Amino acid sequence: MKGKHSNISIFIPHLGCRHQCSFCNQQVISGNESYTTPKKAEQIIKQAYEQITDPAARKYTEIAFFGGSFTAIDRNLMVEYLSVCQPFLGENGFSGIRLSTRPDAISAEILDVLQQYGVIAIELGVQSLDDRVLALNERGHTMQDALDAVKLIRSEPYKFSLGLQMMIGLYGESKESLYHTAETILSLRPDTLRIYPTVVLKGTKLDALLQSGEYCPMGIQEAVSFTAEWIEKFQAAGIRLIKVGLHASNEVEEQMTGGIYHPAFRELCESRIYRRKIETLLSEQPQGDYLLFVPQADISKAVGQKRENLLYFADKGYRLHIKGHTDISIIIERNQIT
């Protein structure tokens, strides 16, 4: 049986970032006010190594650098971070190193260094693949930079897993540009994907644009509808969704001034997917009472947050009673519920 993947997360907020993006406040997002030094990173990794004693469990664990643009930091510092990981890799050690970086901070020379030090996964923060949206949000790179980086990471002799990160609801984004980004990502077939709805945080340029009325965030229902649609498409293409929505935290909730945020955003999207599946099953059925059997682990998704799916169908004349079963399918039966 395949083990459960996990990360030893090392946060380096803003480190290596060449631009202050309109939406960005990494200290709030990561919950860290300062970046983790190599010495502190070594302590974190060592502690995890001592806690995870099973070699099989270590095999599914990666050392992960998040928050900054790892390949854009000072080269000596980058190598220092990679070096402290080395004693904990290899036989009976962790599987490798994962990192996130900018599309315009990738070169063959950098990839050679990363491969030499045991990096196995690279995530690119592309955010959007519309040059106008990228410029308005001061990303400092273009769509072509992202496409070039993807091509290089996937070229021989490299064996990296490729991850992409996209955002929805960015300043200046239209429905057409958002779909263009999603369709292009789908065509690139990354191994993994993170989808981040845009949250407006205090002190950012986006906050100023929001307060002035120049930026009008996407609504939560529109964001859920779009994301649910594309979760299905990405997963059907074999792309693993490793994150949908920001990690719920007091820091984000205290510092946000608007935008798309819900502490269980992914569950909202998965509930919407269930709603669509149920609608298909009911499409040729008369109104009335029905028993709906779903996998036991999916009951809450089928019901929806605050019973929203049950209320949605009740409004259309379908009264559903949901029960769990051991099958992976969804079964619906006409039934008189009293």
C-alpha atoms as a PDB file:
ATOM      1  CA  MET A   1       0.000   0.000   0.000  1.00  0.00           C
ATOM      2  CA  LYS A   2       1.288   3.438  -0.921  1.00  0.00           C
ATOM      3  CA  GLY A   3       2.226   5.595   2.064  1.00  0.00           C
ATOM      4  CA  LYS A   4       0.752   8.985   2.866  1.00  0.00           C
ATOM      5  CA  HIS A   5       2.838  11.875   1.554  1.00  0.00           C
ATOM      6  CA  SER A   6       3.969  14.558   4.001  1.00  0.00           C
ATOM      7  CA  ASN A   7       6.221  17.615   4.041  1.00  0.00           C
ATOM      8  CA  ILE A   8       8.680  19.021   6.539  1.00  0.00           C
ATOM      9  CA  SER A   9       7.860  22.642   5.795  1.00  0.00           C
ATOM     10  CA  ILE A  10      10.579  25.288   6.027  1.00  0.00           C
ATOM     11  CA  PHE A  11       9.153  28.800   5.543  1.00  0.00           C
ATOM     12  CA  ILE A  12      11.324  31.534   4.049  1.00  0.00           C
ATOM     13  CA  PRO A  13       8.819  34.407   3.543  1.00  0.00           C
ATOM     14  CA  HIS A  14       9.789  36.833   0.752  1.00  0.00           C
ATOM     15  CA  LEU A  15      13.359  35.496   0.621  1.00  0.00           C
ATOM     16  CA  GLY A  16      14.578  35.822  -2.948  1.00  0.00           C
ATOM     17  CA  CYS A  17      11.492  37.732  -4.057  1.00  0.00           C
ATOM     18  CA  ARG A  18      12.486  40.360  -6.603  1.00  0.00           C
ATOM     19  CA  HIS A  19       9.120  42.096  -6.599  1.00  0.00           C
ATOM     20  CA  GLN A  20       6.433  43.029  -4.110  1.00  0.00           C
ATOM     21  CA  CYS A  21       3.356  41.543  -5.776  1.00  0.00           C
ATOM     22  CA  SER A  22       0.082  43.409  -5.357  1.00  0.00           C
ATOM     23  CA  PHE A  23      -1.469  40.670  -3.217  1.00  0.00           C
ATOM     24  CA  CYS A  24       1.499  39.425  -1.246  1.00  0.00           C
ATOM     25  CA  ASN A  25       2.221  39.417   2.451  1.00  0.00           C
ATOM     26  CA  GLN A  26       4.040  36.131   3.029  1.00  0.00           C
ATOM     27  CA  GLN A  27       4.497  36.731   6.750  1.00  0.00           C
ATOM     28  CA  VAL A  28       0.735  36.648   7.210  1.00  0.00           C
ATOM     29  CA  ILE A  29       0.160  33.739   4.815  1.00  0.00           C
ATOM     30  CA  SER A  30       2.820  31.538   6.378  1.00  0.00           C
ATOM     31  CA  GLY A  31       2.334  32.723   9.946  1.00  0.00           C
ATOM     32  CA  ASN A  32       6.050  33.533  10.162  1.00  0.00           C
ATOM     33  CA  GLU A  33       7.310  37.041  10.765  1.00  0.00           C
ATOM     34  CA  SER A  34      10.886  36.197   9.785  1.00  0.00           C
ATOM     35  CA  TYR A  35      12.466  33.593   7.568  1.00  0.00           C
ATOM     36  CA  THR A  36      13.975  30.381   8.866  1.00  0.00           C
ATOM     37  CA  THR A  37      17.782  30.441   8.842  1.00  0.00           C
ATOM     38  CA  PRO A  38      19.757  27.427   7.557  1.00  0.00           C
ATOM     39  CA  LYS A  39      20.746  26.571  11.129  1.00  0.00           C
ATOM     40  CA  LYS A  40      17.140  26.651  12.288  1.00  0.00           C
ATOM     41  CA  ALA A  41      16.110  24.659   9.205  1.00  0.00           C
ATOM     42  CA  GLU A  42      18.649  21.988  10.128  1.00  0.00           C
ATOM     43  CA  GLN A  43      17.173  21.771  13.634  1.00  0.00           C
ATOM     44  CA  ILE A  44      13.644  21.397  12.259  1.00  0.00           C
ATOM     45  CA  ILE A  45      14.727  18.673   9.834  1.00  0.00           C
ATOM     46  CA  LYS A  46      16.724  16.820  12.474  1.00  0.00           C
ATOM     47  CA  GLN A  47      13.813  16.873  14.901  1.00  0.00           C
ATOM     48  CA  ALA A  48      11.483  15.485  12.225  1.00  0.00           C
ATOM     49  CA  TYR A  49      14.036  12.815  11.334  1.00  0.00           C
ATOM     50  CA  GLU A  50      14.199  11.686  14.942  1.00  0.00           C
ATOM     51  CA  GLN A  51      10.411  11.637  15.248  1.00  0.00           C
ATOM     52  CA  ILE A  52       9.814   9.752  11.988  1.00  0.00           C
ATOM     53  CA  THR A  53      11.768   6.590  12.721  1.00  0.00           C
ATOM     54  CA  ASP A  54      10.132   4.285  10.164  1.00  0.00           C
ATOM     55  CA  PRO A  55      12.216   4.251   6.926  1.00  0.00           C
ATOM     56  CA  ALA A  56       9.028   3.506   4.958  1.00  0.00           C
ATOM     57  CA  ALA A  57       7.377   6.659   6.341  1.00  0.00           C
ATOM     58  CA  ARG A  58      10.485   8.706   5.563  1.00  0.00           C
ATOM     59  CA  LYS A  59      10.261   7.498   1.966  1.00  0.00           C
ATOM     60  CA  TYR A  60       7.029   9.487   1.573  1.00  0.00           C
ATOM     61  CA  THR A  61       8.323  12.600   3.324  1.00  0.00           C
ATOM     62  CA  GLU A  62       9.920  15.577   1.597  1.00  0.00           C
ATOM     63  CA  ILE A  63      11.849  18.548   2.976  1.00  0.00           C
ATOM     64  CA  ALA A  64       9.945  21.508   1.541  1.00  0.00           C
ATOM     65  CA  PHE A  65      11.000  25.155   1.228  1.00  0.00           C
ATOM     66  CA  PHE A  66       7.980  27.442   0.864  1.00  0.00           C
ATOM     67  CA  GLY A  67       7.198  31.145   1.033  1.00  0.00           C
ATOM     68  CA  GLY A  68       9.969  32.752  -0.983  1.00  0.00           C
ATOM     69  CA  SER A  69      11.571  32.281  -4.393  1.00  0.00           C
ATOM     70  CA  PHE A  70      14.136  29.653  -3.498  1.00  0.00           C
ATOM     71  CA  THR A  71      16.224  29.746  -6.664  1.00  0.00           C
ATOM     72  CA  ALA A  72      16.362  33.557  -6.645  1.00  0.00           C
ATOM     73  CA  ILE A  73      18.048  33.892  -3.258  1.00  0.00           C
ATOM     74  CA  ASP A  74      21.775  34.482  -2.909  1.00  0.00           C
ATOM     75  CA  ARG A  75      23.537  31.449  -4.377  1.00  0.00           C
ATOM     76  CA  ASN A  76      25.698  30.791  -1.318  1.00  0.00           C
ATOM     77  CA  LEU A  77      22.662  30.936   0.955  1.00  0.00           C
ATOM     78  CA  MET A  78      20.705  28.651  -1.366  1.00  0.00           C
ATOM     79  CA  VAL A  79      23.490  26.073  -1.302  1.00  0.00           C
ATOM     80  CA  GLU A  80      23.697  26.394   2.478  1.00  0.00           C
ATOM     81  CA  TYR A  81      20.003  25.491   2.774  1.00  0.00           C
ATOM     82  CA  LEU A  82      20.473  22.532   0.439  1.00  0.00           C
ATOM     83  CA  SER A  83      23.596  21.403   2.287  1.00  0.00           C
ATOM     84  CA  VAL A  84      21.926  21.147   5.704  1.00  0.00           C
ATOM     85  CA  CYS A  85      19.404  18.732   4.171  1.00  0.00           C
ATOM     86  CA  GLN A  86      22.007  16.251   2.917  1.00  0.00           C
ATOM     87  CA  PRO A  87      22.549  14.144   6.095  1.00  0.00           C
ATOM     88  CA  PHE A  88      18.811  13.404   6.165  1.00  0.00           C
ATOM     89  CA  LEU A  89      18.417  12.187   2.575  1.00  0.00           C
ATOM     90  CA  GLY A  90      19.369   8.949   0.847  1.00  0.00           C
ATOM     91  CA  GLU A  91      19.000   5.412   2.154  1.00  0.00           C
ATOM     92  CA  ASN A  92      16.658   5.323   5.173  1.00  0.00           C
ATOM     93  CA  GLY A  93      16.292   9.083   4.853  1.00  0.00           C
ATOM     94  CA  PHE A  94      13.687  11.450   3.447  1.00  0.00           C
ATOM     95  CA  SER A  95      12.776  11.100  -0.226  1.00  0.00           C
ATOM     96  CA  GLY A  96      14.134  14.466  -1.340  1.00  0.00           C
ATOM     97  CA  ILE A  97      13.641  18.224  -1.381  1.00  0.00           C
ATOM     98  CA  ARG A  98      10.649  20.199  -2.668  1.00  0.00           C
ATOM     99  CA  LEU A  99      10.817  23.938  -3.302  1.00  0.00           C
ATOM    100  CA  SER A 100       8.778  26.780  -4.736  1.00  0.00           C
ATOM    101  CA  THR A 101      10.182  29.546  -6.902  1.00  0.00           C
ATOM    102  CA  ARG A 102       9.542  32.072  -9.660  1.00  0.00           C
ATOM    103  CA  PRO A 103       9.317  31.113 -13.352  1.00  0.00           C
ATOM    104  CA  ASP A 104      12.033  33.639 -14.252  1.00  0.00           C
ATOM    105  CA  ALA A 105      14.470  32.184 -11.697  1.00  0.00           C
ATOM    106  CA  ILE A 106      15.016  28.918 -13.553  1.00  0.00           C
ATOM    107  CA  SER A 107      18.031  28.118 -15.727  1.00  0.00           C
ATOM    108  CA  ALA A 108      19.949  24.995 -16.715  1.00  0.00           C
ATOM    109  CA  GLU A 109      22.753  25.991 -14.361  1.00  0.00           C
ATOM    110  CA  ILE A 110      20.321  26.315 -11.434  1.00  0.00           C
ATOM    111  CA  LEU A 111      18.651  22.999 -12.260  1.00  0.00           C
ATOM    112  CA  ASP A 112      22.048  21.277 -12.319  1.00  0.00           C
ATOM    113  CA  VAL A 113      22.696  22.510  -8.773  1.00  0.00           C
ATOM    114  CA  LEU A 114      19.241  21.475  -7.561  1.00  0.00           C
ATOM    115  CA  GLN A 115      19.527  17.976  -8.991  1.00  0.00           C
ATOM    116  CA  GLN A 116      22.999  17.568  -7.484  1.00  0.00           C
ATOM    117  CA  TYR A 117      21.607  18.328  -4.011  1.00  0.00           C
ATOM    118  CA  GLY A 118      18.613  16.011  -4.121  1.00  0.00           C
ATOM    119  CA  VAL A 119      15.783  18.323  -5.168  1.00  0.00           C
ATOM    120  CA  ILE A 120      13.015  16.164  -6.614  1.00  0.00           C
ATOM    121  CA  ALA A 121      10.094  18.601  -6.962  1.00  0.00           C
ATOM    122  CA  ILE A 122       9.919  22.187  -8.214  1.00  0.00           C
ATOM    123  CA  GLU A 123       6.770  24.287  -7.892  1.00  0.00           C
ATOM    124  CA  LEU A 124       6.447  27.381 -10.053  1.00  0.00           C
ATOM    125  CA  GLY A 125       4.272  30.260  -8.877  1.00  0.00           C
ATOM    126  CA  VAL A 126       2.820  31.155 -12.267  1.00  0.00           C
ATOM    127  CA  GLN A 127      -0.358  32.659 -10.680  1.00  0.00           C
ATOM    128  CA  SER A 128      -1.728  33.784 -14.062  1.00  0.00           C
ATOM    129  CA  LEU A 129      -0.846  33.126 -17.690  1.00  0.00           C
ATOM    130  CA  ASP A 130      -2.163  36.465 -18.913  1.00  0.00           C
ATOM    131  CA  ASP A 131       0.590  39.049 -19.392  1.00  0.00           C
ATOM    132  CA  ARG A 132      -1.728  41.960 -18.654  1.00  0.00           C
ATOM    133  CA  VAL A 133      -2.835  40.449 -15.336  1.00  0.00           C
ATOM    134  CA  LEU A 134       0.767  39.613 -14.423  1.00  0.00           C
ATOM    135  CA  ALA A 135       1.829  43.207 -15.089  1.00  0.00           C
ATOM    136  CA  LEU A 136      -1.085  44.750 -13.171  1.00  0.00           C
ATOM    137  CA  ASN A 137      -0.241  42.599 -10.152  1.00  0.00           C
ATOM    138  CA  GLU A 138       3.479  43.429 -10.436  1.00  0.00           C
ATOM    139  CA  ARG A 139       4.631  39.839 -10.776  1.00  0.00           C
ATOM    140  CA  GLY A 140       7.720  40.849 -12.749  1.00  0.00           C
ATOM    141  CA  HIS A 141       7.600  37.899 -15.153  1.00  0.00           C
ATOM    142  CA  THR A 142       5.658  36.979 -18.280  1.00  0.00           C
ATOM    143  CA  MET A 143       3.652  34.028 -19.512  1.00  0.00           C
ATOM    144  CA  GLN A 144       6.559  33.087 -21.751  1.00  0.00           C
ATOM    145  CA  ASP A 145       8.878  32.950 -18.740  1.00  0.00           C
ATOM    146  CA  ALA A 146       6.533  30.358 -17.239  1.00  0.00           C
ATOM    147  CA  LEU A 147       6.324  28.301 -20.421  1.00  0.00           C
ATOM    148  CA  ASP A 148      10.119  28.384 -20.840  1.00  0.00           C
ATOM    149  CA  ALA A 149      10.655  27.303 -17.226  1.00  0.00           C
ATOM    150  CA  VAL A 150       8.211  24.395 -17.584  1.00  0.00           C
ATOM    151  CA  LYS A 151       9.936  23.226 -20.758  1.00  0.00           C
ATOM    152  CA  LEU A 152      13.380  23.385 -19.160  1.00  0.00           C
ATOM    153  CA  ILE A 153      12.351  21.590 -15.956  1.00  0.00           C
ATOM    154  CA  ARG A 154      10.882  18.784 -18.042  1.00  0.00           C
ATOM    155  CA  SER A 155      13.867  18.453 -20.352  1.00  0.00           C
ATOM    156  CA  GLU A 156      16.608  15.829 -20.194  1.00  0.00           C
ATOM    157  CA  PRO A 157      18.560  15.008 -18.100  1.00  0.00           C
ATOM    158  CA  TYR A 158      16.296  16.352 -15.343  1.00  0.00           C
ATOM    159  CA  LYS A 159      13.883  14.135 -13.413  1.00  0.00           C
ATOM    160  CA  PHE A 160      11.995  16.740 -11.394  1.00  0.00           C
ATOM    161  CA  SER A 161       8.347  16.519 -10.467  1.00  0.00           C
ATOM    162  CA  LEU A 162       6.708  19.701 -11.764  1.00  0.00           C
ATOM    163  CA  GLY A 163       4.188  21.617  -9.699  1.00  0.00           C
ATOM    164  CA  LEU A 164       2.344  24.792 -10.676  1.00  0.00           C
ATOM    165  CA  GLN A 165       0.549  27.333  -8.515  1.00  0.00           C
ATOM    166  CA  MET A 166      -2.303  29.454  -9.861  1.00  0.00           C
ATOM    167  CA  MET A 167      -4.479  32.166  -8.356  1.00  0.00           C
ATOM    168  CA  ILE A 168      -8.078  33.079  -9.109  1.00  0.00           C
ATOM    169  CA  GLY A 169      -9.721  36.470  -8.723  1.00  0.00           C
ATOM    170  CA  LEU A 170      -6.623  38.572  -9.342  1.00  0.00           C
ATOM    171  CA  TYR A 171      -6.788  42.320  -9.989  1.00  0.00           C
ATOM    172  CA  GLY A 172      -7.559  42.981 -13.652  1.00  0.00           C
ATOM    173  CA  GLU A 173      -8.535  39.403 -14.368  1.00  0.00           C
ATOM    174  CA  SER A 174     -11.480  38.702 -16.659  1.00  0.00           C
ATOM    175  CA  LYS A 175     -13.412  35.467 -17.002  1.00  0.00           C
ATOM    176  CA  GLU A 176     -11.695  34.925 -20.334  1.00  0.00           C
ATOM    177  CA  SER A 177      -8.177  35.397 -18.938  1.00  0.00           C
ATOM    178  CA  LEU A 178      -8.923  33.103 -15.985  1.00  0.00           C
ATOM    179  CA  TYR A 179     -10.151  30.343 -18.289  1.00  0.00           C
ATOM    180  CA  HIS A 180      -7.124  30.884 -20.511  1.00  0.00           C
ATOM    181  CA  THR A 181      -4.842  30.334 -17.512  1.00  0.00           C
ATOM    182  CA  ALA A 182      -6.705  27.182 -16.468  1.00  0.00           C
ATOM    183  CA  GLU A 183      -6.770  25.772 -19.994  1.00  0.00           C
ATOM    184  CA  THR A 184      -3.060  26.428 -20.479  1.00  0.00           C
ATOM    185  CA  ILE A 185      -2.191  24.767 -17.178  1.00  0.00           C
ATOM    186  CA  LEU A 186      -4.313  21.789 -18.197  1.00  0.00           C
ATOM    187  CA  SER A 187      -2.388  21.545 -21.470  1.00  0.00           C
ATOM    188  CA  LEU A 188       0.946  21.665 -19.602  1.00  0.00           C
ATOM    189  CA  ARG A 189      -0.052  18.628 -17.491  1.00  0.00           C
ATOM    190  CA  PRO A 190       1.938  19.428 -14.320  1.00  0.00           C
ATOM    191  CA  ASP A 191       2.316  16.611 -11.815  1.00  0.00           C
ATOM    192  CA  THR A 192       0.797  18.718  -9.040  1.00  0.00           C
ATOM    193  CA  LEU A 193      -1.186  21.929  -8.737  1.00  0.00           C
ATOM    194  CA  ARG A 194      -2.140  24.409  -6.022  1.00  0.00           C
ATOM    195  CA  ILE A 195      -5.098  26.747  -6.496  1.00  0.00           C
ATOM    196  CA  TYR A 196      -5.148  29.879  -4.359  1.00  0.00           C
ATOM    197  CA  PRO A 197      -8.161  32.237  -4.338  1.00  0.00           C
ATOM    198  CA  THR A 198      -7.041  35.853  -4.003  1.00  0.00           C
ATOM    199  CA  VAL A 199      -7.299  37.162  -0.443  1.00  0.00           C
ATOM    200  CA  VAL A 200      -6.786  40.879   0.197  1.00  0.00           C
ATOM    201  CA  LEU A 201      -4.427  41.496   3.116  1.00  0.00           C
ATOM    202  CA  LYS A 202      -3.756  44.729   5.015  1.00  0.00           C
ATOM    203  CA  GLY A 203      -0.826  46.755   3.784  1.00  0.00           C
ATOM    204  CA  THR A 204      -0.762  45.343   0.261  1.00  0.00           C
ATOM    205  CA  LYS A 205      -1.268  47.241  -2.973  1.00  0.00           C
ATOM    206  CA  LEU A 206      -4.391  45.189  -3.526  1.00  0.00           C
ATOM    207  CA  ASP A 207      -5.791  46.492  -0.250  1.00  0.00           C
ATOM    208  CA  ALA A 208      -5.296  50.067  -1.431  1.00  0.00           C
ATOM    209  CA  LEU A 209      -7.014  49.220  -4.730  1.00  0.00           C
ATOM    210  CA  LEU A 210      -9.884  47.614  -2.839  1.00  0.00           C
ATOM    211  CA  GLN A 211     -10.338  50.623  -0.554  1.00  0.00           C
ATOM    212  CA  SER A 212     -10.329  52.993  -3.519  1.00  0.00           C
ATOM    213  CA  GLY A 213     -12.953  50.915  -5.328  1.00  0.00           C
ATOM    214  CA  GLU A 214     -10.654  50.156  -8.239  1.00  0.00           C
ATOM    215  CA  TYR A 215     -10.528  46.450  -7.395  1.00  0.00           C
ATOM    216  CA  CYS A 216     -13.718  44.441  -7.003  1.00  0.00           C
ATOM    217  CA  PRO A 217     -12.973  40.915  -5.763  1.00  0.00           C
ATOM    218  CA  MET A 218     -14.592  37.834  -7.242  1.00  0.00           C
ATOM    219  CA  GLY A 219     -17.511  36.585  -5.164  1.00  0.00           C
ATOM    220  CA  ILE A 220     -17.157  33.406  -3.122  1.00  0.00           C
ATOM    221  CA  GLN A 221     -19.905  31.569  -5.038  1.00  0.00           C
ATOM    222  CA  GLU A 222     -18.353  32.393  -8.408  1.00  0.00           C
ATOM    223  CA  ALA A 223     -14.968  31.258  -7.103  1.00  0.00           C
ATOM    224  CA  VAL A 224     -16.412  27.976  -5.823  1.00  0.00           C
ATOM    225  CA  SER A 225     -18.232  27.324  -9.094  1.00  0.00           C
ATOM    226  CA  PHE A 226     -15.118  27.942 -11.204  1.00  0.00           C
ATOM    227  CA  THR A 227     -12.794  25.965  -8.948  1.00  0.00           C
ATOM    228  CA  ALA A 228     -15.170  22.997  -8.705  1.00  0.00           C
ATOM    229  CA  GLU A 229     -15.384  22.820 -12.485  1.00  0.00           C
ATOM    230  CA  TRP A 230     -11.625  22.842 -12.887  1.00  0.00           C
ATOM    231  CA  ILE A 231     -10.871  20.466 -10.027  1.00  0.00           C
ATOM    232  CA  GLU A 232     -12.786  17.860 -12.025  1.00  0.00           C
ATOM    233  CA  LYS A 233     -10.910  18.678 -15.226  1.00  0.00           C
ATOM    234  CA  PHE A 234      -7.472  18.709 -13.604  1.00  0.00           C
ATOM    235  CA  GLN A 235      -8.083  15.457 -11.745  1.00  0.00           C
ATOM    236  CA  ALA A 236      -9.434  13.776 -14.883  1.00  0.00           C
ATOM    237  CA  ALA A 237      -6.125  14.690 -16.552  1.00  0.00           C
ATOM    238  CA  GLY A 238      -4.157  13.017 -13.744  1.00  0.00           C
ATOM    239  CA  ILE A 239      -3.030  16.280 -12.104  1.00  0.00           C
ATOM    240  CA  ARG A 240      -2.842  15.959  -8.311  1.00  0.00           C
ATOM    241  CA  LEU A 241      -4.433  18.895  -6.449  1.00  0.00           C
ATOM    242  CA  ILE A 242      -2.260  19.266  -3.371  1.00  0.00           C
ATOM    243  CA  LYS A 243      -3.806  22.512  -2.152  1.00  0.00           C
ATOM    244  CA  VAL A 244      -7.057  24.371  -2.847  1.00  0.00           C
ATOM    245  CA  GLY A 245      -7.479  27.556  -0.819  1.00  0.00           C
ATOM    246  CA  LEU A 246      -5.279  29.182   1.779  1.00  0.00           C
ATOM    247  CA  HIS A 247      -4.467  27.338   4.971  1.00  0.00           C
ATOM    248  CA  ALA A 248      -6.957  28.437   7.620  1.00  0.00           C
ATOM    249  CA  SER A 249      -5.222  30.639  10.169  1.00  0.00           C
ATOM    250  CA  ASN A 250      -5.951  33.370  12.684  1.00  0.00           C
ATOM    251  CA  GLU A 251      -3.318  35.576  11.021  1.00  0.00           C
ATOM    252  CA  VAL A 252      -5.090  35.541   7.663  1.00  0.00           C
ATOM    253  CA  GLU A 253      -8.523  36.073   9.198  1.00  0.00           C
ATOM    254  CA  GLU A 254      -7.276  38.985  11.307  1.00  0.00           C
ATOM    255  CA  GLN A 255      -5.351  40.681   8.490  1.00  0.00           C
ATOM    256  CA  MET A 256      -7.699  40.180   5.547  1.00  0.00           C
ATOM    257  CA  THR A 257      -9.801  43.083   4.305  1.00  0.00           C
ATOM    258  CA  GLY A 258     -11.620  41.312   1.474  1.00  0.00           C
ATOM    259  CA  GLY A 259     -11.296  38.822  -1.327  1.00  0.00           C
ATOM    260  CA  ILE A 260     -12.064  35.114  -1.536  1.00  0.00           C
ATOM    261  CA  TYR A 261     -11.592  33.322   1.741  1.00  0.00           C
ATOM    262  CA  HIS A 262     -13.215  30.422   3.547  1.00  0.00           C
ATOM    263  CA  PRO A 263     -11.414  28.167   6.054  1.00  0.00           C
ATOM    264  CA  ALA A 264     -12.842  25.117   4.242  1.00  0.00           C
ATOM    265  CA  PHE A 265     -12.713  26.408   0.671  1.00  0.00           C
ATOM    266  CA  ARG A 266     -11.776  23.039  -0.824  1.00  0.00           C
ATOM    267  CA  GLU A 267     -14.703  21.324   0.888  1.00  0.00           C
ATOM    268  CA  LEU A 268     -17.038  23.974  -0.538  1.00  0.00           C
ATOM    269  CA  CYS A 269     -15.719  23.145  -4.000  1.00  0.00           C
ATOM    270  CA  GLU A 270     -15.992  19.397  -3.481  1.00  0.00           C
ATOM    271  CA  SER A 271     -19.557  19.856  -2.233  1.00  0.00           C
ATOM    272  CA  ARG A 272     -20.346  21.754  -5.431  1.00  0.00           C
ATOM    273  CA  ILE A 273     -18.920  18.862  -7.458  1.00  0.00           C
ATOM    274  CA  TYR A 274     -21.247  16.531  -5.560  1.00  0.00           C
ATOM    275  CA  ARG A 275     -24.166  18.834  -6.284  1.00  0.00           C
ATOM    276  CA  ARG A 276     -23.479  18.585 -10.006  1.00  0.00           C
ATOM    277  CA  LYS A 277     -23.247  14.810  -9.863  1.00  0.00           C
ATOM    278  CA  ILE A 278     -26.530  14.579  -7.983  1.00  0.00           C
ATOM    279  CA  GLU A 279     -28.189  16.967 -10.459  1.00  0.00           C
ATOM    280  CA  THR A 280     -27.163  14.641 -13.290  1.00  0.00           C
ATOM    281  CA  LEU A 281     -28.686  11.648 -11.479  1.00  0.00           C
ATOM    282  CA  LEU A 282     -31.914  13.564 -10.833  1.00  0.00           C
ATOM    283  CA  SER A 283     -32.146  15.222 -14.241  1.00  0.00           C
ATOM    284  CA  GLU A 284     -34.743  12.772 -15.580  1.00  0.00           C
ATOM    285  CA  GLN A 285     -36.409  11.967 -12.259  1.00  0.00           C
ATOM    286  CA  PRO A 286     -39.700  13.452 -11.023  1.00  0.00           C
ATOM    287  CA  GLN A 287     -39.771  15.596  -7.940  1.00  0.00           C
ATOM    288  CA  GLY A 288     -40.128  13.715  -4.691  1.00  0.00           C
ATOM    289  CA  ASP A 289     -38.258  11.950  -1.906  1.00  0.00           C
ATOM    290  CA  TYR A 290     -35.008  10.093  -2.605  1.00  0.00           C
ATOM    291  CA  LEU A 291     -32.404   8.051  -0.793  1.00  0.00           C
ATOM    292  CA  LEU A 292     -28.884   8.956  -1.823  1.00  0.00           C
ATOM    293  CA  PHE A 293     -26.097   6.506  -1.010  1.00  0.00           C
ATOM    294  CA  VAL A 294     -22.556   7.903  -1.114  1.00  0.00           C
ATOM    295  CA  PRO A 295     -19.174   6.671   0.162  1.00  0.00           C
ATOM    296  CA  GLN A 296     -19.113   6.987   3.950  1.00  0.00           C
ATOM    297  CA  ALA A 297     -16.195   9.464   3.871  1.00  0.00           C
ATOM    298  CA  ASP A 298     -18.098  11.760   1.472  1.00  0.00           C
ATOM    299  CA  ILE A 299     -21.314  12.283   3.420  1.00  0.00           C
ATOM    300  CA  SER A 300     -20.401  15.817   4.518  1.00  0.00           C
ATOM    301  CA  LYS A 301     -19.499  16.773   0.934  1.00  0.00           C
ATOM    302  CA  ALA A 302     -22.796  15.463  -0.372  1.00  0.00           C
ATOM    303  CA  VAL A 303     -24.788  17.262   2.342  1.00  0.00           C
ATOM    304  CA  GLY A 304     -22.823  20.499   1.883  1.00  0.00           C
ATOM    305  CA  GLN A 305     -21.789  23.089   4.426  1.00  0.00           C
ATOM    306  CA  LYS A 306     -24.781  24.131   6.535  1.00  0.00           C
ATOM    307  CA  ARG A 307     -26.783  21.547   4.526  1.00  0.00           C
ATOM    308  CA  GLU A 308     -26.594  23.780   1.461  1.00  0.00           C
ATOM    309  CA  ASN A 309     -26.900  20.922  -1.044  1.00  0.00           C
ATOM    310  CA  LEU A 310     -29.968  19.483   0.697  1.00  0.00           C
ATOM    311  CA  LEU A 311     -31.545  22.939   0.789  1.00  0.00           C
ATOM    312  CA  TYR A 312     -30.657  23.519  -2.875  1.00  0.00           C
ATOM    313  CA  PHE A 313     -32.445  20.359  -3.993  1.00  0.00           C
ATOM    314  CA  ALA A 314     -35.342  20.845  -1.602  1.00  0.00           C
ATOM    315  CA  ASP A 315     -35.954  24.205  -3.266  1.00  0.00           C
ATOM    316  CA  LYS A 316     -36.276  22.326  -6.559  1.00  0.00           C
ATOM    317  CA  GLY A 317     -38.692  19.796  -5.127  1.00  0.00           C
ATOM    318  CA  TYR A 318     -36.245  16.980  -4.370  1.00  0.00           C
ATOM    319  CA  ARG A 319     -36.062  15.935  -0.735  1.00  0.00           C
ATOM    320  CA  LEU A 320     -32.881  13.915  -0.204  1.00  0.00           C
ATOM    321  CA  HIS A 321     -31.901  11.620   2.628  1.00  0.00           C
ATOM    322  CA  ILE A 322     -28.219  10.789   2.469  1.00  0.00           C
ATOM    323  CA  LYS A 323     -26.690   7.575   3.775  1.00  0.00           C
ATOM    324  CA  GLY A 324     -23.155   6.227   3.669  1.00  0.00           C
ATOM    325  CA  HIS A 325     -22.096   2.937   2.095  1.00  0.00           C
ATOM    326  CA  THR A 326     -18.854   1.135   1.356  1.00  0.00           C
ATOM    327  CA  ASP A 327     -19.013   1.396  -2.434  1.00  0.00           C
ATOM    328  CA  ILE A 328     -17.218   4.199  -4.279  1.00  0.00           C
ATOM    329  CA  SER A 329     -20.229   4.982  -6.457  1.00  0.00           C
ATOM    330  CA  ILE A 330     -23.194   7.275  -5.866  1.00  0.00           C
ATOM    331  CA  ILE A 331     -26.580   5.536  -5.898  1.00  0.00           C
ATOM    332  CA  ILE A 332     -29.932   7.265  -5.833  1.00  0.00           C
ATOM    333  CA  GLU A 333     -33.264   5.555  -5.181  1.00  0.00           C
ATOM    334  CA  ARG A 334     -36.831   6.853  -5.161  1.00  0.00           C
ATOM    335  CA  ASN A 335     -38.210   6.545  -1.659  1.00  0.00           C
ATOM    336  CA  GLN A 336     -41.019   7.866   0.487  1.00  0.00           C
ATOM    337  CA  ILE A 337     -39.327   9.398   3.538  1.00  0.00           C
ATOM    338  CA  THR A 338     -41.473  10.091   6.531  1.00  0.00           C
END
